[in-house]
Amino acid sequence: MSELRCLIFKIGVKTMIEGRIKHLDVANRSALIVEGNGNEITVNFALRTNVEVIEDETVGLMGGELEDLEEGYEVEFEVASINEDGSIICDSIACVS
């Protein structure tokens, strides 16, 4: 298994990672996320992945779809599991800026 070096922090029992979407592939339900330290992480979105995006008027979060995400968005996502190749399966993703 490749070594996963990324900023991971735990909230309760959930493992969360923050970063910026560098590349988004909605058709294949995946994204390349870049952390603040430059580390790149491949993320795969499960069919059940919860997506939250910023609502323009209130600047609060609202439910969305993968298609609502865009390259350049700062996000925080919940790790469901880590694949043998080091890629991550994501349970939820939320825009943080």
C-alpha atoms as a PDB file:
ATOM      1  CA  MET A   1       0.000   0.000   0.000  1.00  0.00           C
ATOM      2  CA  SER A   2       1.418   3.389  -0.908  1.00  0.00           C
ATOM      3  CA  GLU A   3       2.090   5.778   1.916  1.00  0.00           C
ATOM      4  CA  LEU A   4      -0.602   8.427   2.295  1.00  0.00           C
ATOM      5  CA  ARG A   5       0.850  11.760   3.392  1.00  0.00           C
ATOM      6  CA  CYS A   6      -1.819  14.335   3.908  1.00  0.00           C
ATOM      7  CA  LEU A   7      -3.278  16.598   6.539  1.00  0.00           C
ATOM      8  CA  ILE A   8      -5.857  14.376   8.175  1.00  0.00           C
ATOM      9  CA  PHE A   9      -7.686  15.364  11.313  1.00  0.00           C
ATOM     10  CA  LYS A  10     -10.393  13.614  13.252  1.00  0.00           C
ATOM     11  CA  ILE A  11     -13.713  15.063  14.335  1.00  0.00           C
ATOM     12  CA  GLY A  12     -15.281  12.545  16.676  1.00  0.00           C
ATOM     13  CA  VAL A  13     -14.842   9.294  14.754  1.00  0.00           C
ATOM     14  CA  LYS A  14     -14.847  10.930  11.320  1.00  0.00           C
ATOM     15  CA  THR A  15     -11.621  11.550   9.407  1.00  0.00           C
ATOM     16  CA  MET A  16     -11.731  14.823   7.465  1.00  0.00           C
ATOM     17  CA  ILE A  17      -9.329  16.312   4.900  1.00  0.00           C
ATOM     18  CA  GLU A  18      -9.252  19.885   3.586  1.00  0.00           C
ATOM     19  CA  GLY A  19      -7.983  21.008   0.197  1.00  0.00           C
ATOM     20  CA  ARG A  20      -8.714  22.639  -3.174  1.00  0.00           C
ATOM     21  CA  ILE A  21     -10.258  20.843  -6.144  1.00  0.00           C
ATOM     22  CA  LYS A  22      -7.566  20.804  -8.849  1.00  0.00           C
ATOM     23  CA  HIS A  23      -9.402  18.500 -11.254  1.00  0.00           C
ATOM     24  CA  LEU A  24     -12.993  17.235 -11.169  1.00  0.00           C
ATOM     25  CA  ASP A  25     -14.198  14.279 -13.263  1.00  0.00           C
ATOM     26  CA  VAL A  26     -17.949  14.051 -12.673  1.00  0.00           C
ATOM     27  CA  ALA A  27     -18.426  11.251 -15.220  1.00  0.00           C
ATOM     28  CA  ASN A  28     -16.014   8.985 -13.303  1.00  0.00           C
ATOM     29  CA  ARG A  29     -17.051  10.355  -9.873  1.00  0.00           C
ATOM     30  CA  SER A  30     -13.514  11.392  -8.936  1.00  0.00           C
ATOM     31  CA  ALA A  31     -11.422  14.460  -8.159  1.00  0.00           C
ATOM     32  CA  LEU A  32      -7.840  15.454  -7.561  1.00  0.00           C
ATOM     33  CA  ILE A  33      -7.598  17.482  -4.352  1.00  0.00           C
ATOM     34  CA  VAL A  34      -4.541  19.584  -3.446  1.00  0.00           C
ATOM     35  CA  GLU A  35      -3.843  20.270   0.208  1.00  0.00           C
ATOM     36  CA  GLY A  36      -2.286  23.491   1.463  1.00  0.00           C
ATOM     37  CA  ASN A  37       1.123  21.799   1.552  1.00  0.00           C
ATOM     38  CA  GLY A  38       0.849  20.854  -2.149  1.00  0.00           C
ATOM     39  CA  ASN A  39       0.120  17.160  -1.538  1.00  0.00           C
ATOM     40  CA  GLU A  40      -2.284  15.783  -4.175  1.00  0.00           C
ATOM     41  CA  ILE A  41      -4.944  13.236  -3.232  1.00  0.00           C
ATOM     42  CA  THR A  42      -7.185  11.275  -5.599  1.00  0.00           C
ATOM     43  CA  VAL A  43     -10.719  11.080  -4.239  1.00  0.00           C
ATOM     44  CA  ASN A  44     -13.470   8.773  -5.515  1.00  0.00           C
ATOM     45  CA  PHE A  45     -17.074   9.625  -4.701  1.00  0.00           C
ATOM     46  CA  ALA A  46     -19.428   6.837  -3.658  1.00  0.00           C
ATOM     47  CA  LEU A  47     -22.941   6.870  -5.100  1.00  0.00           C
ATOM     48  CA  ARG A  48     -24.188   7.831  -1.641  1.00  0.00           C
ATOM     49  CA  THR A  49     -21.733  10.745  -1.222  1.00  0.00           C
ATOM     50  CA  ASN A  50     -23.354  13.743   0.455  1.00  0.00           C
ATOM     51  CA  VAL A  51     -22.444  16.993  -1.362  1.00  0.00           C
ATOM     52  CA  GLU A  52     -22.899  20.424   0.225  1.00  0.00           C
ATOM     53  CA  VAL A  53     -22.255  23.671  -1.622  1.00  0.00           C
ATOM     54  CA  ILE A  54     -22.401  27.323  -0.597  1.00  0.00           C
ATOM     55  CA  GLU A  55     -25.774  28.975  -1.156  1.00  0.00           C
ATOM     56  CA  ASP A  56     -25.141  32.412  -2.729  1.00  0.00           C
ATOM     57  CA  GLU A  57     -27.698  34.498  -0.822  1.00  0.00           C
ATOM     58  CA  THR A  58     -27.051  33.255   2.715  1.00  0.00           C
ATOM     59  CA  VAL A  59     -23.494  31.950   2.212  1.00  0.00           C
ATOM     60  CA  GLY A  60     -24.643  28.869   4.141  1.00  0.00           C
ATOM     61  CA  LEU A  61     -24.378  25.282   2.985  1.00  0.00           C
ATOM     62  CA  MET A  62     -27.140  23.526   1.065  1.00  0.00           C
ATOM     63  CA  GLY A  63     -27.488  20.083  -0.477  1.00  0.00           C
ATOM     64  CA  GLY A  64     -26.080  19.654  -3.929  1.00  0.00           C
ATOM     65  CA  GLU A  65     -24.754  17.249  -6.533  1.00  0.00           C
ATOM     66  CA  LEU A  66     -21.245  16.499  -7.799  1.00  0.00           C
ATOM     67  CA  GLU A  67     -22.087  18.655 -10.830  1.00  0.00           C
ATOM     68  CA  ASP A  68     -22.357  21.666  -8.464  1.00  0.00           C
ATOM     69  CA  LEU A  69     -18.677  21.413  -7.507  1.00  0.00           C
ATOM     70  CA  GLU A  70     -16.056  23.264  -9.538  1.00  0.00           C
ATOM     71  CA  GLU A  71     -12.306  23.208  -9.926  1.00  0.00           C
ATOM     72  CA  GLY A  72     -10.776  25.745  -7.567  1.00  0.00           C
ATOM     73  CA  TYR A  73     -13.331  25.241  -4.769  1.00  0.00           C
ATOM     74  CA  GLU A  74     -11.883  24.846  -1.282  1.00  0.00           C
ATOM     75  CA  VAL A  75     -13.480  21.747   0.223  1.00  0.00           C
ATOM     76  CA  GLU A  76     -13.515  19.522   3.265  1.00  0.00           C
ATOM     77  CA  PHE A  77     -14.339  15.862   2.793  1.00  0.00           C
ATOM     78  CA  GLU A  78     -14.970  12.832   4.960  1.00  0.00           C
ATOM     79  CA  VAL A  79     -12.865   9.740   4.355  1.00  0.00           C
ATOM     80  CA  ALA A  80     -14.878   6.511   4.166  1.00  0.00           C
ATOM     81  CA  SER A  81     -11.918   4.284   3.265  1.00  0.00           C
ATOM     82  CA  ILE A  82      -8.501   4.267   1.614  1.00  0.00           C
ATOM     83  CA  ASN A  83      -7.882   2.047  -1.430  1.00  0.00           C
ATOM     84  CA  GLU A  84      -4.732  -0.012  -1.937  1.00  0.00           C
ATOM     85  CA  ASP A  85      -3.446   2.568  -4.442  1.00  0.00           C
ATOM     86  CA  GLY A  86      -3.748   5.324  -1.815  1.00  0.00           C
ATOM     87  CA  SER A  87      -6.850   6.916  -3.328  1.00  0.00           C
ATOM     88  CA  ILE A  88      -9.683   7.779  -0.993  1.00  0.00           C
ATOM     89  CA  ILE A  89     -13.376   6.894  -1.045  1.00  0.00           C
ATOM     90  CA  CYS A  90     -15.360   9.914   0.119  1.00  0.00           C
ATOM     91  CA  ASP A  91     -18.623   9.816   2.130  1.00  0.00           C
ATOM     92  CA  SER A  92     -19.286  13.550   2.118  1.00  0.00           C
ATOM     93  CA  ILE A  93     -17.792  16.740   0.689  1.00  0.00           C
ATOM     94  CA  ALA A  94     -18.562  20.344   1.596  1.00  0.00           C
ATOM     95  CA  CYS A  95     -17.366  23.637   0.167  1.00  0.00           C
ATOM     96  CA  VAL A  96     -15.585  25.754   2.772  1.00  0.00           C
ATOM     97  CA  SER A  97     -15.008  28.851   0.639  1.00  0.00           C
END
